[in-house]
Amino acid sequence: MMPAPIKPVVAKSVLDQIDIRIGTIESAAPVPGSGKLVSLHVDFGNHKRTILSGMQQERPDLSVLVGKQALFVVNLEPRKMAGILSEGMLFDIGYEDGIMPALAMPEHPVPNGSRAG
């Protein structure tokens, strides 16, 4: 498989606007009535959020996600999907390239809410 072409160059100031944090997934459950969405309840240290991700079909056993730390974008505008408000976005590697997705995770445990970058 050939990697996708690199996207156009952006200024570092654009990247600096994105707030990427580590959170621990406390629970993961299918969203009722959706064959795609999963509701993740995530601990960011000083607060918790619900974040929806379209990963249901790639992950038959959602329980393996519980307790994992992963990278999340936390400053996206909240978005309602399937009647549930999603307060961020999970970084999931591989989906766009048609391969089995994998979480973007720290190499060792770090405090929830730690910033990437």
PDB file of N, CA and C in Angstrom:
ATOM      1  N   MET A   1       0.839  -1.190   0.000  1.00  0.00           N
ATOM      2  CA  MET A   1       0.000   0.000   0.000  1.00  0.00           C
ATOM      3  C   MET A   1       0.880   1.249   0.000  1.00  0.00           C
ATOM      4  N   MET A   2       0.585   2.141  -0.896  1.00  0.00           N
ATOM      5  CA  MET A   2       1.309   3.414  -0.959  1.00  0.00           C
ATOM      6  C   MET A   2       0.640   4.419  -0.019  1.00  0.00           C
ATOM      7  N   PRO A   3       1.443   5.163   0.748  1.00  0.00           N
ATOM      8  CA  PRO A   3       0.852   6.196   1.603  1.00  0.00           C
ATOM      9  C   PRO A   3       0.134   7.249   0.764  1.00  0.00           C
ATOM     10  N   ALA A   4      -0.891   7.844   1.335  1.00  0.00           N
ATOM     11  CA  ALA A   4      -1.622   8.922   0.671  1.00  0.00           C
ATOM     12  C   ALA A   4      -0.693  10.113   0.480  1.00  0.00           C
ATOM     13  N   PRO A   5      -0.969  10.939  -0.529  1.00  0.00           N
ATOM     14  CA  PRO A   5      -0.157  12.150  -0.726  1.00  0.00           C
ATOM     15  C   PRO A   5      -0.248  13.065   0.499  1.00  0.00           C
ATOM     16  N   ILE A   6       0.809  13.799   0.737  1.00  0.00           N
ATOM     17  CA  ILE A   6       0.832  14.749   1.852  1.00  0.00           C
ATOM     18  C   ILE A   6      -0.051  15.937   1.508  1.00  0.00           C
ATOM     19  N   LYS A   7      -0.817  16.373   2.487  1.00  0.00           N
ATOM     20  CA  LYS A   7      -1.711  17.520   2.299  1.00  0.00           C
ATOM     21  C   LYS A   7      -0.889  18.797   2.146  1.00  0.00           C
ATOM     22  N   PRO A   8      -1.524  19.884   1.649  1.00  0.00           N
ATOM     23  CA  PRO A   8      -0.801  21.155   1.486  1.00  0.00           C
ATOM     24  C   PRO A   8      -0.229  21.664   2.814  1.00  0.00           C
ATOM     25  N   VAL A   9       0.853  22.393   2.730  1.00  0.00           N
ATOM     26  CA  VAL A   9       1.532  22.966   3.884  1.00  0.00           C
ATOM     27  C   VAL A   9       0.607  23.968   4.587  1.00  0.00           C
ATOM     28  N   VAL A  10       0.639  23.945   5.927  1.00  0.00           N
ATOM     29  CA  VAL A  10      -0.088  24.928   6.729  1.00  0.00           C
ATOM     30  C   VAL A  10       0.906  25.592   7.677  1.00  0.00           C
ATOM     31  N   ALA A  11       0.583  26.790   8.093  1.00  0.00           N
ATOM     32  CA  ALA A  11       1.425  27.506   9.050  1.00  0.00           C
ATOM     33  C   ALA A  11       1.320  26.848  10.420  1.00  0.00           C
ATOM     34  N   LYS A  12       2.387  26.884  11.204  1.00  0.00           N
ATOM     35  CA  LYS A  12       2.371  26.327  12.555  1.00  0.00           C
ATOM     36  C   LYS A  12       1.272  26.964  13.398  1.00  0.00           C
ATOM     37  N   SER A  13       0.969  28.222  13.113  1.00  0.00           N
ATOM     38  CA  SER A  13      -0.083  28.909  13.873  1.00  0.00           C
ATOM     39  C   SER A  13      -1.438  28.209  13.705  1.00  0.00           C
ATOM     40  N   VAL A  14      -1.658  27.562  12.555  1.00  0.00           N
ATOM     41  CA  VAL A  14      -2.901  26.808  12.344  1.00  0.00           C
ATOM     42  C   VAL A  14      -2.913  25.591  13.256  1.00  0.00           C
ATOM     43  N   LEU A  15      -1.807  24.869  13.307  1.00  0.00           N
ATOM     44  CA  LEU A  15      -1.708  23.701  14.180  1.00  0.00           C
ATOM     45  C   LEU A  15      -1.833  24.100  15.648  1.00  0.00           C
ATOM     46  N   ASP A  16      -1.284  25.238  16.016  1.00  0.00           N
ATOM     47  CA  ASP A  16      -1.349  25.702  17.402  1.00  0.00           C
ATOM     48  C   ASP A  16      -2.775  25.958  17.871  1.00  0.00           C
ATOM     49  N   GLN A  17      -3.702  26.125  16.953  1.00  0.00           N
ATOM     50  CA  GLN A  17      -5.103  26.364  17.315  1.00  0.00           C
ATOM     51  C   GLN A  17      -5.822  25.085  17.744  1.00  0.00           C
ATOM     52  N   ILE A  18      -5.266  23.924  17.397  1.00  0.00           N
ATOM     53  CA  ILE A  18      -5.908  22.652  17.707  1.00  0.00           C
ATOM     54  C   ILE A  18      -5.422  22.169  19.065  1.00  0.00           C
ATOM     55  N   ASP A  19      -6.358  21.915  19.976  1.00  0.00           N
ATOM     56  CA  ASP A  19      -6.033  21.462  21.327  1.00  0.00           C
ATOM     57  C   ASP A  19      -6.183  19.940  21.381  1.00  0.00           C
ATOM     58  N   ILE A  20      -5.049  19.245  21.429  1.00  0.00           N
ATOM     59  CA  ILE A  20      -5.022  17.790  21.446  1.00  0.00           C
ATOM     60  C   ILE A  20      -4.597  17.345  22.840  1.00  0.00           C
ATOM     61  N   ARG A  21      -5.425  16.513  23.465  1.00  0.00           N
ATOM     62  CA  ARG A  21      -5.177  16.074  24.838  1.00  0.00           C
ATOM     63  C   ARG A  21      -5.261  14.558  24.966  1.00  0.00           C
ATOM     64  N   ILE A  22      -4.612  14.069  26.002  1.00  0.00           N
ATOM     65  CA  ILE A  22      -4.714  12.659  26.371  1.00  0.00           C
ATOM     66  C   ILE A  22      -5.919  12.493  27.284  1.00  0.00           C
ATOM     67  N   GLY A  23      -6.706  11.463  27.005  1.00  0.00           N
ATOM     68  CA  GLY A  23      -7.824  11.110  27.868  1.00  0.00           C
ATOM     69  C   GLY A  23      -7.881   9.599  28.021  1.00  0.00           C
ATOM     70  N   THR A  24      -8.446   9.152  29.132  1.00  0.00           N
ATOM     71  CA  THR A  24      -8.635   7.727  29.362  1.00  0.00           C
ATOM     72  C   THR A  24     -10.083   7.371  29.077  1.00  0.00           C
ATOM     73  N   ILE A  25     -10.274   6.369  28.231  1.00  0.00           N
ATOM     74  CA  ILE A  25     -11.621   5.914  27.880  1.00  0.00           C
ATOM     75  C   ILE A  25     -12.177   5.109  29.051  1.00  0.00           C
ATOM     76  N   GLU A  26     -13.255   5.620  29.664  1.00  0.00           N
ATOM     77  CA  GLU A  26     -13.863   4.951  30.809  1.00  0.00           C
ATOM     78  C   GLU A  26     -14.939   3.957  30.397  1.00  0.00           C
ATOM     79  N   SER A  27     -15.614   4.239  29.280  1.00  0.00           N
ATOM     80  CA  SER A  27     -16.617   3.307  28.761  1.00  0.00           C
ATOM     81  C   SER A  27     -16.768   3.535  27.268  1.00  0.00           C
ATOM     82  N   ALA A  28     -17.200   2.480  26.588  1.00  0.00           N
ATOM     83  CA  ALA A  28     -17.416   2.527  25.142  1.00  0.00           C
ATOM     84  C   ALA A  28     -18.640   1.671  24.843  1.00  0.00           C
ATOM     85  N   ALA A  29     -19.646   2.277  24.195  1.00  0.00           N
ATOM     86  CA  ALA A  29     -20.884   1.551  23.922  1.00  0.00           C
ATOM     87  C   ALA A  29     -21.445   1.977  22.574  1.00  0.00           C
ATOM     88  N   PRO A  30     -22.080   1.042  21.865  1.00  0.00           N
ATOM     89  CA  PRO A  30     -22.723   1.411  20.600  1.00  0.00           C
ATOM     90  C   PRO A  30     -23.822   2.446  20.846  1.00  0.00           C
ATOM     91  N   VAL A  31     -23.966   3.375  19.927  1.00  0.00           N
ATOM     92  CA  VAL A  31     -25.055   4.347  20.007  1.00  0.00           C
ATOM     93  C   VAL A  31     -26.311   3.659  19.462  1.00  0.00           C
ATOM     94  N   PRO A  32     -27.375   3.604  20.264  1.00  0.00           N
ATOM     95  CA  PRO A  32     -28.607   2.949  19.805  1.00  0.00           C
ATOM     96  C   PRO A  32     -29.117   3.560  18.494  1.00  0.00           C
ATOM     97  N   GLY A  33     -29.512   2.696  17.564  1.00  0.00           N
ATOM     98  CA  GLY A  33     -30.058   3.154  16.297  1.00  0.00           C
ATOM     99  C   GLY A  33     -29.012   3.518  15.260  1.00  0.00           C
ATOM    100  N   SER A  34     -27.735   3.391  15.621  1.00  0.00           N
ATOM    101  CA  SER A  34     -26.660   3.691  14.682  1.00  0.00           C
ATOM    102  C   SER A  34     -25.818   2.430  14.497  1.00  0.00           C
ATOM    103  N   GLY A  35     -25.552   2.066  13.278  1.00  0.00           N
ATOM    104  CA  GLY A  35     -24.704   0.919  13.024  1.00  0.00           C
ATOM    105  C   GLY A  35     -23.240   1.271  12.969  1.00  0.00           C
ATOM    106  N   LYS A  36     -22.920   2.541  13.198  1.00  0.00           N
ATOM    107  CA  LYS A  36     -21.552   3.028  13.042  1.00  0.00           C
ATOM    108  C   LYS A  36     -20.990   3.680  14.304  1.00  0.00           C
ATOM    109  N   LEU A  37     -21.804   4.506  14.972  1.00  0.00           N
ATOM    110  CA  LEU A  37     -21.297   5.329  16.070  1.00  0.00           C
ATOM    111  C   LEU A  37     -21.110   4.576  17.384  1.00  0.00           C
ATOM    112  N   VAL A  38     -20.045   4.956  18.086  1.00  0.00           N
ATOM    113  CA  VAL A  38     -19.748   4.468  19.422  1.00  0.00           C
ATOM    114  C   VAL A  38     -19.661   5.681  20.342  1.00  0.00           C
ATOM    115  N   SER A  39     -20.263   5.581  21.512  1.00  0.00           N
ATOM    116  CA  SER A  39     -20.191   6.636  22.508  1.00  0.00           C
ATOM    117  C   SER A  39     -19.060   6.311  23.480  1.00  0.00           C
ATOM    118  N   LEU A  40     -18.080   7.194  23.530  1.00  0.00           N
ATOM    119  CA  LEU A  40     -16.953   7.044  24.450  1.00  0.00           C
ATOM    120  C   LEU A  40     -17.118   8.044  25.587  1.00  0.00           C
ATOM    121  N   HIS A  41     -16.988   7.575  26.817  1.00  0.00           N
ATOM    122  CA  HIS A  41     -16.950   8.478  27.968  1.00  0.00           C
ATOM    123  C   HIS A  41     -15.489   8.558  28.372  1.00  0.00           C
ATOM    124  N   VAL A  42     -14.947   9.798  28.339  1.00  0.00           N
ATOM    125  CA  VAL A  42     -13.505   9.993  28.446  1.00  0.00           C
ATOM    126  C   VAL A  42     -13.172  10.911  29.610  1.00  0.00           C
ATOM    127  N   ASP A  43     -12.178  10.514  30.406  1.00  0.00           N
ATOM    128  CA  ASP A  43     -11.689  11.294  31.537  1.00  0.00           C
ATOM    129  C   ASP A  43     -10.482  12.112  31.078  1.00  0.00           C
ATOM    130  N   PHE A  44     -10.591  13.451  31.199  1.00  0.00           N
ATOM    131  CA  PHE A  44      -9.502  14.348  30.838  1.00  0.00           C
ATOM    132  C   PHE A  44      -8.850  14.971  32.075  1.00  0.00           C
ATOM    133  N   GLY A  45      -8.989  14.338  33.204  1.00  0.00           N
ATOM    134  CA  GLY A  45      -8.339  14.816  34.422  1.00  0.00           C
ATOM    135  C   GLY A  45      -9.207  15.774  35.208  1.00  0.00           C
ATOM    136  N   ASN A  46      -9.448  16.957  34.670  1.00  0.00           N
ATOM    137  CA  ASN A  46     -10.262  17.946  35.378  1.00  0.00           C
ATOM    138  C   ASN A  46     -11.717  17.955  34.914  1.00  0.00           C
ATOM    139  N   HIS A  47     -12.055  17.123  33.942  1.00  0.00           N
ATOM    140  CA  HIS A  47     -13.436  16.998  33.482  1.00  0.00           C
ATOM    141  C   HIS A  47     -13.578  15.734  32.635  1.00  0.00           C
ATOM    142  N   LYS A  48     -14.819  15.357  32.394  1.00  0.00           N
ATOM    143  CA  LYS A  48     -15.125  14.192  31.558  1.00  0.00           C
ATOM    144  C   LYS A  48     -16.014  14.636  30.414  1.00  0.00           C
ATOM    145  N   ARG A  49     -15.919  13.928  29.287  1.00  0.00           N
ATOM    146  CA  ARG A  49     -16.706  14.265  28.105  1.00  0.00           C
ATOM    147  C   ARG A  49     -17.227  13.006  27.434  1.00  0.00           C
ATOM    148  N   THR A  50     -18.280  13.215  26.653  1.00  0.00           N
ATOM    149  CA  THR A  50     -18.763  12.183  25.752  1.00  0.00           C
ATOM    150  C   THR A  50     -18.258  12.533  24.358  1.00  0.00           C
ATOM    151  N   ILE A  51     -17.606  11.580  23.731  1.00  0.00           N
ATOM    152  CA  ILE A  51     -17.087  11.773  22.386  1.00  0.00           C
ATOM    153  C   ILE A  51     -17.571  10.608  21.535  1.00  0.00           C
ATOM    154  N   LEU A  52     -18.209  10.938  20.421  1.00  0.00           N
ATOM    155  CA  LEU A  52     -18.699   9.909  19.506  1.00  0.00           C
ATOM    156  C   LEU A  52     -17.659   9.644  18.428  1.00  0.00           C
ATOM    157  N   SER A  53     -17.569   8.377  18.044  1.00  0.00           N
ATOM    158  CA  SER A  53     -16.632   7.976  16.999  1.00  0.00           C
ATOM    159  C   SER A  53     -17.295   6.924  16.126  1.00  0.00           C
ATOM    160  N   GLY A  54     -17.088   7.010  14.824  1.00  0.00           N
ATOM    161  CA  GLY A  54     -17.681   6.056  13.890  1.00  0.00           C
ATOM    162  C   GLY A  54     -16.849   4.795  13.770  1.00  0.00           C
ATOM    163  N   MET A  55     -16.648   4.091  14.870  1.00  0.00           N
ATOM    164  CA  MET A  55     -15.748   2.941  14.887  1.00  0.00           C
ATOM    165  C   MET A  55     -16.427   1.607  15.148  1.00  0.00           C
ATOM    166  N   GLN A  56     -17.749   1.587  15.202  1.00  0.00           N
ATOM    167  CA  GLN A  56     -18.445   0.372  15.607  1.00  0.00           C
ATOM    168  C   GLN A  56     -18.140  -0.832  14.718  1.00  0.00           C
ATOM    169  N   GLN A  57     -18.050  -0.631  13.418  1.00  0.00           N
ATOM    170  CA  GLN A  57     -17.847  -1.754  12.502  1.00  0.00           C
ATOM    171  C   GLN A  57     -16.421  -2.289  12.539  1.00  0.00           C
ATOM    172  N   GLU A  58     -15.452  -1.456  12.887  1.00  0.00           N
ATOM    173  CA  GLU A  58     -14.054  -1.898  12.931  1.00  0.00           C
ATOM    174  C   GLU A  58     -13.675  -2.535  14.266  1.00  0.00           C
ATOM    175  N   ARG A  59     -14.506  -2.350  15.264  1.00  0.00           N
ATOM    176  CA  ARG A  59     -14.166  -2.833  16.600  1.00  0.00           C
ATOM    177  C   ARG A  59     -15.305  -3.674  17.160  1.00  0.00           C
ATOM    178  N   PRO A  60     -15.295  -4.972  16.882  1.00  0.00           N
ATOM    179  CA  PRO A  60     -16.394  -5.829  17.344  1.00  0.00           C
ATOM    180  C   PRO A  60     -16.468  -5.948  18.868  1.00  0.00           C
ATOM    181  N   ASP A  61     -15.329  -5.788  19.566  1.00  0.00           N
ATOM    182  CA  ASP A  61     -15.310  -5.875  21.027  1.00  0.00           C
ATOM    183  C   ASP A  61     -14.890  -4.533  21.598  1.00  0.00           C
ATOM    184  N   LEU A  62     -15.873  -3.692  21.905  1.00  0.00           N
ATOM    185  CA  LEU A  62     -15.582  -2.341  22.403  1.00  0.00           C
ATOM    186  C   LEU A  62     -14.950  -2.346  23.788  1.00  0.00           C
ATOM    187  N   SER A  63     -15.097  -3.442  24.522  1.00  0.00           N
ATOM    188  CA  SER A  63     -14.553  -3.497  25.876  1.00  0.00           C
ATOM    189  C   SER A  63     -13.023  -3.376  25.885  1.00  0.00           C
ATOM    190  N   VAL A  64     -12.360  -3.712  24.771  1.00  0.00           N
ATOM    191  CA  VAL A  64     -10.894  -3.605  24.735  1.00  0.00           C
ATOM    192  C   VAL A  64     -10.427  -2.147  24.775  1.00  0.00           C
ATOM    193  N   LEU A  65     -11.331  -1.207  24.505  1.00  0.00           N
ATOM    194  CA  LEU A  65     -10.976   0.212  24.536  1.00  0.00           C
ATOM    195  C   LEU A  65     -10.980   0.777  25.954  1.00  0.00           C
ATOM    196  N   VAL A  66     -11.745   0.163  26.839  1.00  0.00           N
ATOM    197  CA  VAL A  66     -11.908   0.684  28.203  1.00  0.00           C
ATOM    198  C   VAL A  66     -10.570   0.625  28.950  1.00  0.00           C
ATOM    199  N   GLY A  67     -10.207   1.755  29.533  1.00  0.00           N
ATOM    200  CA  GLY A  67      -8.956   1.862  30.270  1.00  0.00           C
ATOM    201  C   GLY A  67      -7.787   2.327  29.423  1.00  0.00           C
ATOM    202  N   LYS A  68      -7.970   2.430  28.123  1.00  0.00           N
ATOM    203  CA  LYS A  68      -6.895   2.881  27.230  1.00  0.00           C
ATOM    204  C   LYS A  68      -6.824   4.404  27.218  1.00  0.00           C
ATOM    205  N   GLN A  69      -5.601   4.906  27.158  1.00  0.00           N
ATOM    206  CA  GLN A  69      -5.398   6.330  26.940  1.00  0.00           C
ATOM    207  C   GLN A  69      -5.259   6.553  25.441  1.00  0.00           C
ATOM    208  N   ALA A  70      -5.766   7.685  24.972  1.00  0.00           N
ATOM    209  CA  ALA A  70      -5.699   8.000  23.552  1.00  0.00           C
ATOM    210  C   ALA A  70      -5.661   9.514  23.379  1.00  0.00           C
ATOM    211  N   LEU A  71      -5.353   9.934  22.144  1.00  0.00           N
ATOM    212  CA  LEU A  71      -5.340  11.350  21.796  1.00  0.00           C
ATOM    213  C   LEU A  71      -6.718  11.781  21.297  1.00  0.00           C
ATOM    214  N   PHE A  72      -7.155  12.954  21.739  1.00  0.00           N
ATOM    215  CA  PHE A  72      -8.445  13.520  21.357  1.00  0.00           C
ATOM    216  C   PHE A  72      -8.278  14.996  21.052  1.00  0.00           C
ATOM    217  N   VAL A  73      -9.023  15.499  20.054  1.00  0.00           N
ATOM    218  CA  VAL A  73      -9.133  16.940  19.837  1.00  0.00           C
ATOM    219  C   VAL A  73     -10.271  17.407  20.741  1.00  0.00           C
ATOM    220  N   VAL A  74      -9.986  18.366  21.623  1.00  0.00           N
ATOM    221  CA  VAL A  74     -10.988  18.770  22.615  1.00  0.00           C
ATOM    222  C   VAL A  74     -11.580  20.157  22.372  1.00  0.00           C
ATOM    223  N   ASN A  75     -11.112  20.872  21.350  1.00  0.00           N
ATOM    224  CA  ASN A  75     -11.663  22.213  21.134  1.00  0.00           C
ATOM    225  C   ASN A  75     -12.434  22.343  19.823  1.00  0.00           C
ATOM    226  N   LEU A  76     -12.979  21.233  19.340  1.00  0.00           N
ATOM    227  CA  LEU A  76     -13.900  21.308  18.199  1.00  0.00           C
ATOM    228  C   LEU A  76     -15.260  21.771  18.692  1.00  0.00           C
ATOM    229  N   GLU A  77     -15.996  22.413  17.819  1.00  0.00           N
ATOM    230  CA  GLU A  77     -17.363  22.800  18.159  1.00  0.00           C
ATOM    231  C   GLU A  77     -18.173  21.535  18.428  1.00  0.00           C
ATOM    232  N   PRO A  78     -18.886  21.467  19.578  1.00  0.00           N
ATOM    233  CA  PRO A  78     -19.707  20.277  19.855  1.00  0.00           C
ATOM    234  C   PRO A  78     -20.686  20.028  18.714  1.00  0.00           C
ATOM    235  N   ARG A  79     -20.928  18.745  18.435  1.00  0.00           N
ATOM    236  CA  ARG A  79     -21.776  18.362  17.310  1.00  0.00           C
ATOM    237  C   ARG A  79     -22.732  17.258  17.743  1.00  0.00           C
ATOM    238  N   LYS A  80     -23.999  17.443  17.424  1.00  0.00           N
ATOM    239  CA  LYS A  80     -24.995  16.438  17.758  1.00  0.00           C
ATOM    240  C   LYS A  80     -25.074  15.419  16.639  1.00  0.00           C
ATOM    241  N   MET A  81     -24.931  14.138  17.028  1.00  0.00           N
ATOM    242  CA  MET A  81     -25.038  13.030  16.078  1.00  0.00           C
ATOM    243  C   MET A  81     -25.921  11.967  16.717  1.00  0.00           C
ATOM    244  N   ALA A  82     -26.893  11.473  15.957  1.00  0.00           N
ATOM    245  CA  ALA A  82     -27.817  10.442  16.449  1.00  0.00           C
ATOM    246  C   ALA A  82     -28.446  10.850  17.780  1.00  0.00           C
ATOM    247  N   GLY A  83     -28.682  12.161  17.930  1.00  0.00           N
ATOM    248  CA  GLY A  83     -29.329  12.669  19.132  1.00  0.00           C
ATOM    249  C   GLY A  83     -28.419  12.839  20.336  1.00  0.00           C
ATOM    250  N   ILE A  84     -27.112  12.593  20.183  1.00  0.00           N
ATOM    251  CA  ILE A  84     -26.158  12.703  21.293  1.00  0.00           C
ATOM    252  C   ILE A  84     -25.122  13.764  20.932  1.00  0.00           C
ATOM    253  N   LEU A  85     -24.778  14.605  21.905  1.00  0.00           N
ATOM    254  CA  LEU A  85     -23.790  15.653  21.690  1.00  0.00           C
ATOM    255  C   LEU A  85     -22.379  15.088  21.834  1.00  0.00           C
ATOM    256  N   SER A  86     -21.567  15.237  20.797  1.00  0.00           N
ATOM    257  CA  SER A  86     -20.175  14.816  20.828  1.00  0.00           C
ATOM    258  C   SER A  86     -19.323  16.039  21.111  1.00  0.00           C
ATOM    259  N   GLU A  87     -18.437  15.919  22.108  1.00  0.00           N
ATOM    260  CA  GLU A  87     -17.649  17.055  22.569  1.00  0.00           C
ATOM    261  C   GLU A  87     -16.165  16.905  22.232  1.00  0.00           C
ATOM    262  N   GLY A  88     -15.869  16.419  21.035  1.00  0.00           N
ATOM    263  CA  GLY A  88     -14.478  16.280  20.624  1.00  0.00           C
ATOM    264  C   GLY A  88     -14.351  15.237  19.541  1.00  0.00           C
ATOM    265  N   MET A  89     -13.096  14.856  19.268  1.00  0.00           N
ATOM    266  CA  MET A  89     -12.830  13.871  18.228  1.00  0.00           C
ATOM    267  C   MET A  89     -11.667  12.984  18.654  1.00  0.00           C
ATOM    268  N   LEU A  90     -11.843  11.697  18.469  1.00  0.00           N
ATOM    269  CA  LEU A  90     -10.793  10.723  18.728  1.00  0.00           C
ATOM    270  C   LEU A  90      -9.828  10.685  17.551  1.00  0.00           C
ATOM    271  N   PHE A  91      -8.521  10.628  17.831  1.00  0.00           N
ATOM    272  CA  PHE A  91      -7.545  10.370  16.780  1.00  0.00           C
ATOM    273  C   PHE A  91      -7.494   8.864  16.583  1.00  0.00           C
ATOM    274  N   ASP A  92      -7.904   8.408  15.429  1.00  0.00           N
ATOM    275  CA  ASP A  92      -7.901   6.993  15.084  1.00  0.00           C
ATOM    276  C   ASP A  92      -7.062   6.858  13.818  1.00  0.00           C
ATOM    277  N   ILE A  93      -6.029   6.070  13.850  1.00  0.00           N
ATOM    278  CA  ILE A  93      -5.090   5.967  12.736  1.00  0.00           C
ATOM    279  C   ILE A  93      -5.495   4.824  11.812  1.00  0.00           C
ATOM    280  N   GLY A  94      -5.504   5.067  10.516  1.00  0.00           N
ATOM    281  CA  GLY A  94      -5.691   4.006   9.544  1.00  0.00           C
ATOM    282  C   GLY A  94      -7.005   3.984   8.808  1.00  0.00           C
ATOM    283  N   TYR A  95      -8.085   4.490   9.409  1.00  0.00           N
ATOM    284  CA  TYR A  95      -9.402   4.405   8.782  1.00  0.00           C
ATOM    285  C   TYR A  95      -9.408   5.024   7.391  1.00  0.00           C
ATOM    286  N   GLU A  96      -8.868   6.226   7.255  1.00  0.00           N
ATOM    287  CA  GLU A  96      -8.864   6.935   5.972  1.00  0.00           C
ATOM    288  C   GLU A  96      -8.071   6.182   4.897  1.00  0.00           C
ATOM    289  N   ASP A  97      -7.160   5.320   5.329  1.00  0.00           N
ATOM    290  CA  ASP A  97      -6.338   4.561   4.385  1.00  0.00           C
ATOM    291  C   ASP A  97      -6.883   3.154   4.128  1.00  0.00           C
ATOM    292  N   GLY A  98      -8.033   2.852   4.712  1.00  0.00           N
ATOM    293  CA  GLY A  98      -8.651   1.556   4.466  1.00  0.00           C
ATOM    294  C   GLY A  98      -7.979   0.395   5.173  1.00  0.00           C
ATOM    295  N   ILE A  99      -7.233   0.686   6.248  1.00  0.00           N
ATOM    296  CA  ILE A  99      -6.624  -0.390   7.031  1.00  0.00           C
ATOM    297  C   ILE A  99      -7.282  -0.452   8.401  1.00  0.00           C
ATOM    298  N   MET A 100      -7.044  -1.536   9.120  1.00  0.00           N
ATOM    299  CA  MET A 100      -7.631  -1.686  10.451  1.00  0.00           C
ATOM    300  C   MET A 100      -7.197  -0.521  11.334  1.00  0.00           C
ATOM    301  N   PRO A 101      -8.148   0.284  11.823  1.00  0.00           N
ATOM    302  CA  PRO A 101      -7.790   1.439  12.639  1.00  0.00           C
ATOM    303  C   PRO A 101      -7.104   1.064  13.949  1.00  0.00           C
ATOM    304  N   ALA A 102      -6.274   1.983  14.422  1.00  0.00           N
ATOM    305  CA  ALA A 102      -5.575   1.842  15.696  1.00  0.00           C
ATOM    306  C   ALA A 102      -5.646   3.176  16.425  1.00  0.00           C
ATOM    307  N   LEU A 103      -5.752   3.122  17.739  1.00  0.00           N
ATOM    308  CA  LEU A 103      -5.755   4.350  18.531  1.00  0.00           C
ATOM    309  C   LEU A 103      -4.382   5.013  18.494  1.00  0.00           C
ATOM    310  N   ALA A 104      -4.368   6.336  18.502  1.00  0.00           N
ATOM    311  CA  ALA A 104      -3.135   7.092  18.703  1.00  0.00           C
ATOM    312  C   ALA A 104      -2.962   7.201  20.216  1.00  0.00           C
ATOM    313  N   MET A 105      -1.941   6.519  20.730  1.00  0.00           N
ATOM    314  CA  MET A 105      -1.772   6.375  22.178  1.00  0.00           C
ATOM    315  C   MET A 105      -0.377   6.788  22.625  1.00  0.00           C
ATOM    316  N   PRO A 106      -0.247   7.240  23.887  1.00  0.00           N
ATOM    317  CA  PRO A 106       1.094   7.519  24.413  1.00  0.00           C
ATOM    318  C   PRO A 106       1.850   6.201  24.633  1.00  0.00           C
ATOM    319  N   GLU A 107       3.179   6.260  24.571  1.00  0.00           N
ATOM    320  CA  GLU A 107       3.976   5.044  24.755  1.00  0.00           C
ATOM    321  C   GLU A 107       4.004   4.562  26.195  1.00  0.00           C
ATOM    322  N   HIS A 108       3.682   5.433  27.137  1.00  0.00           N
ATOM    323  CA  HIS A 108       3.552   5.046  28.547  1.00  0.00           C
ATOM    324  C   HIS A 108       2.474   5.925  29.158  1.00  0.00           C
ATOM    325  N   PRO A 109       1.895   5.520  30.290  1.00  0.00           N
ATOM    326  CA  PRO A 109       0.820   6.335  30.880  1.00  0.00           C
ATOM    327  C   PRO A 109       1.279   7.753  31.199  1.00  0.00           C
ATOM    328  N   VAL A 110       0.419   8.714  30.914  1.00  0.00           N
ATOM    329  CA  VAL A 110       0.663  10.120  31.239  1.00  0.00           C
ATOM    330  C   VAL A 110      -0.601  10.654  31.905  1.00  0.00           C
ATOM    331  N   PRO A 111      -0.507  11.764  32.631  1.00  0.00           N
ATOM    332  CA  PRO A 111      -1.706  12.295  33.284  1.00  0.00           C
ATOM    333  C   PRO A 111      -2.776  12.674  32.270  1.00  0.00           C
ATOM    334  N   ASN A 112      -4.032  12.327  32.575  1.00  0.00           N
ATOM    335  CA  ASN A 112      -5.152  12.733  31.735  1.00  0.00           C
ATOM    336  C   ASN A 112      -5.147  14.252  31.598  1.00  0.00           C
ATOM    337  N   GLY A 113      -5.435  14.724  30.396  1.00  0.00           N
ATOM    338  CA  GLY A 113      -5.454  16.158  30.129  1.00  0.00           C
ATOM    339  C   GLY A 113      -4.128  16.690  29.606  1.00  0.00           C
ATOM    340  N   SER A 114      -3.071  15.835  29.613  1.00  0.00           N
ATOM    341  CA  SER A 114      -1.788  16.276  29.064  1.00  0.00           C
ATOM    342  C   SER A 114      -1.943  16.664  27.602  1.00  0.00           C
ATOM    343  N   ARG A 115      -1.259  17.735  27.215  1.00  0.00           N
ATOM    344  CA  ARG A 115      -1.366  18.247  25.849  1.00  0.00           C
ATOM    345  C   ARG A 115      -0.356  17.592  24.923  1.00  0.00           C
ATOM    346  N   ALA A 116      -0.764  17.411  23.677  1.00  0.00           N
ATOM    347  CA  ALA A 116       0.147  16.941  22.633  1.00  0.00           C
ATOM    348  C   ALA A 116       0.704  18.157  21.914  1.00  0.00           C
ATOM    349  N   GLY A 117       1.893  18.020  21.397  1.00  0.00           N
ATOM    350  CA  GLY A 117       2.451  19.108  20.612  1.00  0.00           C
ATOM    351  C   GLY A 117       3.758  19.608  21.124  1.00  0.00           C
TER     352      GLY A 117
END
